[in-house]
Amino acid sequence: MNEYTLIQLAQRDGIAVLTLNRPDKRNAISDDMRTELIDALQRVAADRSVRALVLTGSGKGFCAGGDVAGMQRRMDAPPGEVGFNGWTRQQRVHHSVALLHDMPKPVIAAVNGGANGLGADLAMACDLVIAAPVASFAWSYIHRGLIPDGGGMYFLPRRVGLAQAKQLIFSGRKVEAAEALQLGIVDRLSASGDSLVDEAVAWAAEMAHGSATALALGKSILNQTFELTADQVFAQGSQAQGICYTSSAHRESVQAFLARAANKD
C-alpha cells in the first residue's frame, strides 16, 4: 500500500496505519511531507476497504511540528511575497488537517513521543488519542512568535475547556502523558510504547466494526454539534437517518434480528 518516502501507509485487516516518517527530524512536517500526507489521506478516505485510520510517528517522536528549515525559507523570500506565500502555505496546512478531521471513518492518533506545535494539533484533529507513557504534548507556537495554525485553537478548547486551552497555548509548556490523560488531551494510555500501535489498531477495529454508513454520517454531525443549534442537529440527524434506513447494513441487521427472534419462538 505504501508508495511514499516521507510517510508510510500500510493496512492491517481493514485498518490503515499512516506513519509520519522523518525520524531524524522527529517527523517535522515539511512541504514535501505534507504533499504526501494529503495524497495518503485522500486515498484512505476514498478506499471503502479501509474501515478506520491510525496515525502515528516513526522513531522517538510523534511530530515535532512544522519544519524549521521551511520557516527559514519563508523568511528569506522577498518581502512582497512573504504574506502571500504564508497564506498559500496555510491553505495546504488547513487542507491536510481538514482531511484528517473530516475523514468519513474513525481516526485514532497513536502518539509515540513528543507531539509539539503542529504535531499536537494533528493529534487533536483525530477522533480519539492513545499515547505511549513517554508521549508528551506542547502547543509550542508561542516560542516561535506564532499562534496555533493546525486547528489547535478549535480542537483544544473542545477537549480541555477554554481556560485550560488558553493556559496551554499562552505558555507553550510541555504536558507529559499522565497529565494529558487527566486533562482530557489523551483518551487512553498504552501499556507500553512497544504495544502502542497494536493497541491503537485493536481500538480502531472496535470503533469501526459497525455500519460504515452510520459511522460516516454520525461523525459528520458530531463534528458540528458545538456550532449547530439543537434543531439543526435534529434536522441533519433526520436526513442522515433516512440514508441509514436504505443501507445494506441496516437491512441485514434487522433481518438477522427477526430471524433470531423467529428461531426462539
Protein backbone atom coordinates (compact mmCIF):
# COMPACT_ATOMS: atom_id res chain seq x y z
CA MET A 1 0.00 0.00 0.00
CA ASN A 2 2.97 2.31 0.59
CA GLU A 3 4.17 4.42 -2.35
CA TYR A 4 5.66 7.26 -0.33
CA THR A 5 9.02 8.41 1.00
CA LEU A 6 8.25 10.69 3.95
CA ILE A 7 5.29 8.73 5.27
CA GLN A 8 4.46 5.04 5.43
CA LEU A 9 0.98 3.73 4.65
CA ALA A 10 0.05 0.16 5.49
CA GLN A 11 -3.14 -1.79 6.15
CA ARG A 12 -3.91 -4.31 8.88
CA ASP A 13 -7.16 -6.19 8.40
CA GLY A 14 -9.02 -3.14 7.13
CA ILE A 15 -7.30 -0.63 9.43
CA ALA A 16 -4.94 1.81 7.71
CA VAL A 17 -1.80 2.77 9.63
CA LEU A 18 -0.24 6.04 8.48
CA THR A 19 3.22 6.67 9.92
CA LEU A 20 4.99 10.02 9.68
CA ASN A 21 8.47 9.00 8.55
CA ARG A 22 11.18 11.60 9.14
CA PRO A 23 12.59 10.13 12.34
CA ASP A 24 15.85 12.09 12.07
CA LYS A 25 13.75 15.29 12.25
CA ARG A 26 11.29 13.95 14.84
CA ASN A 27 8.79 13.79 11.95
CA ALA A 28 8.59 17.55 11.48
CA ILE A 29 6.21 18.36 8.63
CA SER A 30 7.98 19.66 5.52
CA ASP A 31 6.17 20.84 2.40
CA ASP A 32 7.04 17.58 0.63
CA MET A 33 5.80 15.52 3.56
CA ARG A 34 2.55 17.49 3.61
CA THR A 35 2.02 16.73 -0.08
CA GLU A 36 2.40 13.00 0.61
CA LEU A 37 0.18 13.25 3.69
CA ILE A 38 -2.62 14.93 1.74
CA ASP A 39 -2.45 12.30 -1.00
CA ALA A 40 -2.48 9.44 1.51
CA LEU A 41 -5.42 10.87 3.48
CA GLN A 42 -7.42 11.29 0.29
CA ARG A 43 -6.69 7.67 -0.65
CA VAL A 44 -7.72 6.36 2.76
CA ALA A 45 -10.93 8.39 2.73
CA ALA A 46 -11.91 7.05 -0.69
CA ASP A 47 -10.96 3.40 -0.05
CA ARG A 48 -14.05 1.58 1.21
CA SER A 49 -11.97 -1.43 2.20
CA VAL A 50 -10.41 0.74 4.92
CA ARG A 51 -12.67 0.95 7.98
CA ALA A 52 -10.54 3.20 10.19
CA LEU A 53 -7.21 5.04 10.34
CA VAL A 54 -4.39 5.09 12.88
CA LEU A 55 -1.91 7.99 12.72
CA THR A 56 1.49 7.60 14.39
CA GLY A 57 5.14 8.59 14.06
CA SER A 58 8.36 6.69 13.43
CA GLY A 59 11.30 6.77 15.80
CA LYS A 60 11.18 8.60 19.12
CA GLY A 61 8.79 11.41 18.20
CA PHE A 62 5.21 11.67 17.00
CA CYS A 63 5.66 15.01 15.24
CA ALA A 64 7.89 17.95 16.17
CA GLY A 65 5.63 20.40 14.33
CA GLY A 66 6.46 22.43 11.26
CA ASP A 67 9.88 22.09 9.63
CA VAL A 68 12.12 24.94 10.86
CA ALA A 69 14.12 24.90 7.61
CA GLY A 70 10.90 25.72 5.81
CA MET A 71 10.35 28.63 8.19
CA GLN A 72 13.78 29.99 7.27
CA ARG A 73 12.99 29.77 3.55
CA ARG A 74 9.75 31.68 4.11
CA MET A 75 11.61 34.44 5.95
CA ASP A 76 14.20 34.64 3.16
CA ALA A 77 11.56 35.25 0.48
CA PRO A 78 11.28 38.78 -0.95
CA PRO A 79 9.30 40.99 1.49
CA GLY A 80 6.50 41.49 -1.01
CA GLU A 81 5.94 37.72 -1.27
CA VAL A 82 6.14 36.66 2.38
CA GLY A 83 2.48 37.33 3.14
CA PHE A 84 1.03 35.60 0.10
CA ASN A 85 3.47 32.68 0.40
CA GLY A 86 2.36 32.28 4.01
CA TRP A 87 -1.30 32.41 3.06
CA THR A 88 -0.75 29.77 0.37
CA ARG A 89 1.03 27.51 2.83
CA GLN A 90 -1.79 27.94 5.33
CA GLN A 91 -4.29 26.70 2.77
CA ARG A 92 -2.28 23.48 2.47
CA VAL A 93 -1.99 23.11 6.24
CA HIS A 94 -5.71 23.56 6.72
CA HIS A 95 -6.50 21.17 3.85
CA SER A 96 -4.42 18.41 5.44
CA VAL A 97 -5.96 18.96 8.87
CA ALA A 98 -9.48 19.04 7.41
CA LEU A 99 -8.87 15.75 5.60
CA LEU A 100 -7.91 14.20 8.93
CA HIS A 101 -10.77 15.74 10.92
CA ASP A 102 -13.43 15.08 8.27
CA MET A 103 -12.26 11.54 7.43
CA PRO A 104 -15.54 9.59 7.00
CA LYS A 105 -14.35 6.83 9.32
CA PRO A 106 -12.83 6.68 12.83
CA VAL A 107 -9.33 8.14 13.21
CA ILE A 108 -7.08 7.37 16.19
CA ALA A 109 -3.84 9.17 16.95
CA ALA A 110 -1.22 6.81 18.43
CA VAL A 111 1.19 9.31 19.98
CA ASN A 112 4.51 7.55 20.46
CA GLY A 113 6.63 10.50 21.63
CA GLY A 114 6.72 14.26 21.54
CA ALA A 115 3.79 15.99 19.79
CA ASN A 116 4.74 19.65 19.51
CA GLY A 117 3.11 22.57 17.72
CA LEU A 118 1.52 21.26 14.55
CA GLY A 119 2.12 17.73 15.82
CA ALA A 120 -0.09 18.39 18.84
CA ASP A 121 -2.72 19.89 16.55
CA LEU A 122 -2.67 16.83 14.29
CA ALA A 123 -3.34 14.58 17.28
CA MET A 124 -6.28 16.77 18.34
CA ALA A 125 -7.74 16.61 14.83
CA CYS A 126 -8.20 12.86 15.29
CA ASP A 127 -11.33 11.40 16.87
CA LEU A 128 -9.51 9.62 19.67
CA VAL A 129 -6.00 9.71 21.13
CA ILE A 130 -3.96 6.93 22.69
CA ALA A 131 -0.49 7.79 23.96
CA ALA A 132 2.61 5.89 25.00
CA PRO A 133 3.83 6.50 28.57
CA VAL A 134 6.73 8.55 27.14
CA ALA A 135 4.50 10.76 24.99
CA SER A 136 4.19 14.48 25.59
CA PHE A 137 2.26 17.42 24.13
CA ALA A 138 3.19 21.08 23.75
CA TRP A 139 1.43 23.87 21.87
CA SER A 140 4.85 25.46 21.46
CA TYR A 141 3.96 28.01 18.76
CA ILE A 142 4.43 30.88 21.21
CA HIS A 143 8.15 30.06 21.36
CA ARG A 144 8.39 30.87 17.64
CA GLY A 145 6.25 34.00 17.88
CA LEU A 146 3.29 32.20 16.30
CA ILE A 147 -0.24 31.08 17.08
CA PRO A 148 -1.56 27.52 16.60
CA ASP A 149 -2.31 27.17 12.90
CA GLY A 150 -3.15 23.47 12.64
CA GLY A 151 -6.56 23.64 14.26
CA GLY A 152 -5.36 23.79 17.87
CA MET A 153 -7.41 26.88 18.67
CA TYR A 154 -10.52 24.99 17.51
CA PHE A 155 -9.83 21.45 18.73
CA LEU A 156 -8.06 22.01 22.05
CA PRO A 157 -10.83 24.02 23.81
CA ARG A 158 -13.28 21.29 22.86
CA ARG A 159 -11.14 18.74 24.67
CA VAL A 160 -9.94 20.62 27.75
CA GLY A 161 -12.15 23.71 28.05
CA LEU A 162 -11.41 27.29 27.05
CA ALA A 163 -9.46 28.43 30.12
CA GLN A 164 -7.20 25.38 30.14
CA ALA A 165 -6.61 25.71 26.39
CA LYS A 166 -5.55 29.33 26.91
CA GLN A 167 -3.08 28.30 29.60
CA LEU A 168 -1.52 25.64 27.37
CA ILE A 169 -1.35 27.87 24.29
CA PHE A 170 -0.16 31.01 26.08
CA SER A 171 2.60 29.17 27.96
CA GLY A 172 3.59 26.60 25.34
CA ARG A 173 4.54 24.28 28.21
CA LYS A 174 5.10 20.55 27.88
CA VAL A 175 2.35 18.20 29.12
CA GLU A 176 3.51 14.69 29.97
CA ALA A 177 1.34 11.68 29.15
CA ALA A 178 -0.16 11.17 32.63
CA GLU A 179 -1.24 14.81 32.90
CA ALA A 180 -2.51 14.73 29.32
CA LEU A 181 -4.82 11.87 30.29
CA GLN A 182 -6.03 13.80 33.33
CA LEU A 183 -6.74 16.95 31.28
CA GLY A 184 -8.55 15.09 28.50
CA ILE A 185 -5.91 15.66 25.82
CA VAL A 186 -5.47 11.88 25.75
CA ASP A 187 -8.24 9.28 25.99
CA ARG A 188 -6.07 6.27 26.82
CA LEU A 189 -2.51 5.40 27.76
CA SER A 190 -0.96 2.32 26.22
CA ALA A 191 0.58 -0.35 28.39
CA SER A 192 3.97 0.37 26.80
CA GLY A 193 5.47 2.13 23.82
CA ASP A 194 6.06 -1.23 22.13
CA SER A 195 2.36 -2.12 22.19
CA LEU A 196 1.07 1.35 21.24
CA VAL A 197 0.25 0.77 17.57
CA ASP A 198 -1.16 -2.70 18.20
CA GLU A 199 -3.46 -1.27 20.88
CA ALA A 200 -4.46 1.59 18.56
CA VAL A 201 -5.26 -0.81 15.72
CA ALA A 202 -7.35 -3.01 18.05
CA TRP A 203 -9.22 0.06 19.32
CA ALA A 204 -9.78 1.29 15.77
CA ALA A 205 -11.22 -2.09 14.80
CA GLU A 206 -13.56 -1.92 17.80
CA MET A 207 -14.71 1.59 16.85
CA ALA A 208 -15.21 0.66 13.19
CA HIS A 209 -16.99 -2.69 13.49
CA GLY A 210 -20.42 -1.15 12.82
CA SER A 211 -22.08 0.25 9.72
CA ALA A 212 -19.68 2.38 7.68
CA THR A 213 -22.66 4.47 6.53
CA ALA A 214 -23.84 5.18 10.09
CA LEU A 215 -20.29 5.94 11.26
CA ALA A 216 -19.59 8.41 8.46
CA LEU A 217 -22.91 10.23 8.81
CA GLY A 218 -22.81 10.26 12.60
CA LYS A 219 -19.27 11.62 12.66
CA SER A 220 -20.13 14.37 10.18
CA ILE A 221 -22.87 15.61 12.52
CA LEU A 222 -20.96 15.15 15.76
CA ASN A 223 -18.12 17.25 14.36
CA GLN A 224 -20.53 20.20 14.14
CA THR A 225 -22.57 19.84 17.31
CA PHE A 226 -20.90 22.69 19.23
CA GLU A 227 -21.68 25.11 16.40
CA LEU A 228 -25.23 24.00 15.50
CA THR A 229 -28.49 24.54 17.34
CA ALA A 230 -30.44 21.56 18.62
CA ASP A 231 -32.95 21.98 15.79
CA GLN A 232 -30.15 21.93 13.22
CA VAL A 233 -28.67 18.77 14.72
CA PHE A 234 -32.11 17.14 14.71
CA ALA A 235 -32.64 18.16 11.07
CA GLN A 236 -29.28 16.80 9.95
CA GLY A 237 -29.91 13.68 12.01
CA SER A 238 -33.25 13.12 10.29
CA GLN A 239 -31.65 13.34 6.87
CA ALA A 240 -28.80 11.03 7.87
CA GLN A 241 -31.20 8.51 9.39
CA GLY A 242 -33.18 8.47 6.17
CA ILE A 243 -30.00 7.41 4.37
CA CYS A 244 -29.23 4.82 7.06
CA TYR A 245 -32.71 3.30 6.54
CA THR A 246 -31.71 2.47 2.96
CA SER A 247 -28.31 0.96 3.80
CA SER A 248 -27.46 -2.71 3.45
CA ALA A 249 -26.10 -2.77 6.99
CA HIS A 250 -29.46 -1.68 8.45
CA ARG A 251 -31.45 -4.11 6.31
CA GLU A 252 -29.20 -7.05 7.13
CA SER A 253 -29.18 -6.22 10.84
CA VAL A 254 -32.98 -6.05 11.06
CA GLN A 255 -33.40 -9.27 9.06
CA ALA A 256 -30.88 -11.08 11.27
CA PHE A 257 -32.63 -9.86 14.43
CA LEU A 258 -36.03 -11.00 13.16
CA ALA A 259 -34.61 -14.38 12.15
CA ARG A 260 -33.15 -14.92 15.62
CA ALA A 261 -36.47 -13.91 17.21
CA ALA A 262 -38.35 -16.34 14.98
CA ASN A 263 -36.00 -19.18 15.87
CA LYS A 264 -36.57 -18.57 19.60
CA ASP A 265 -40.31 -18.93 19.03
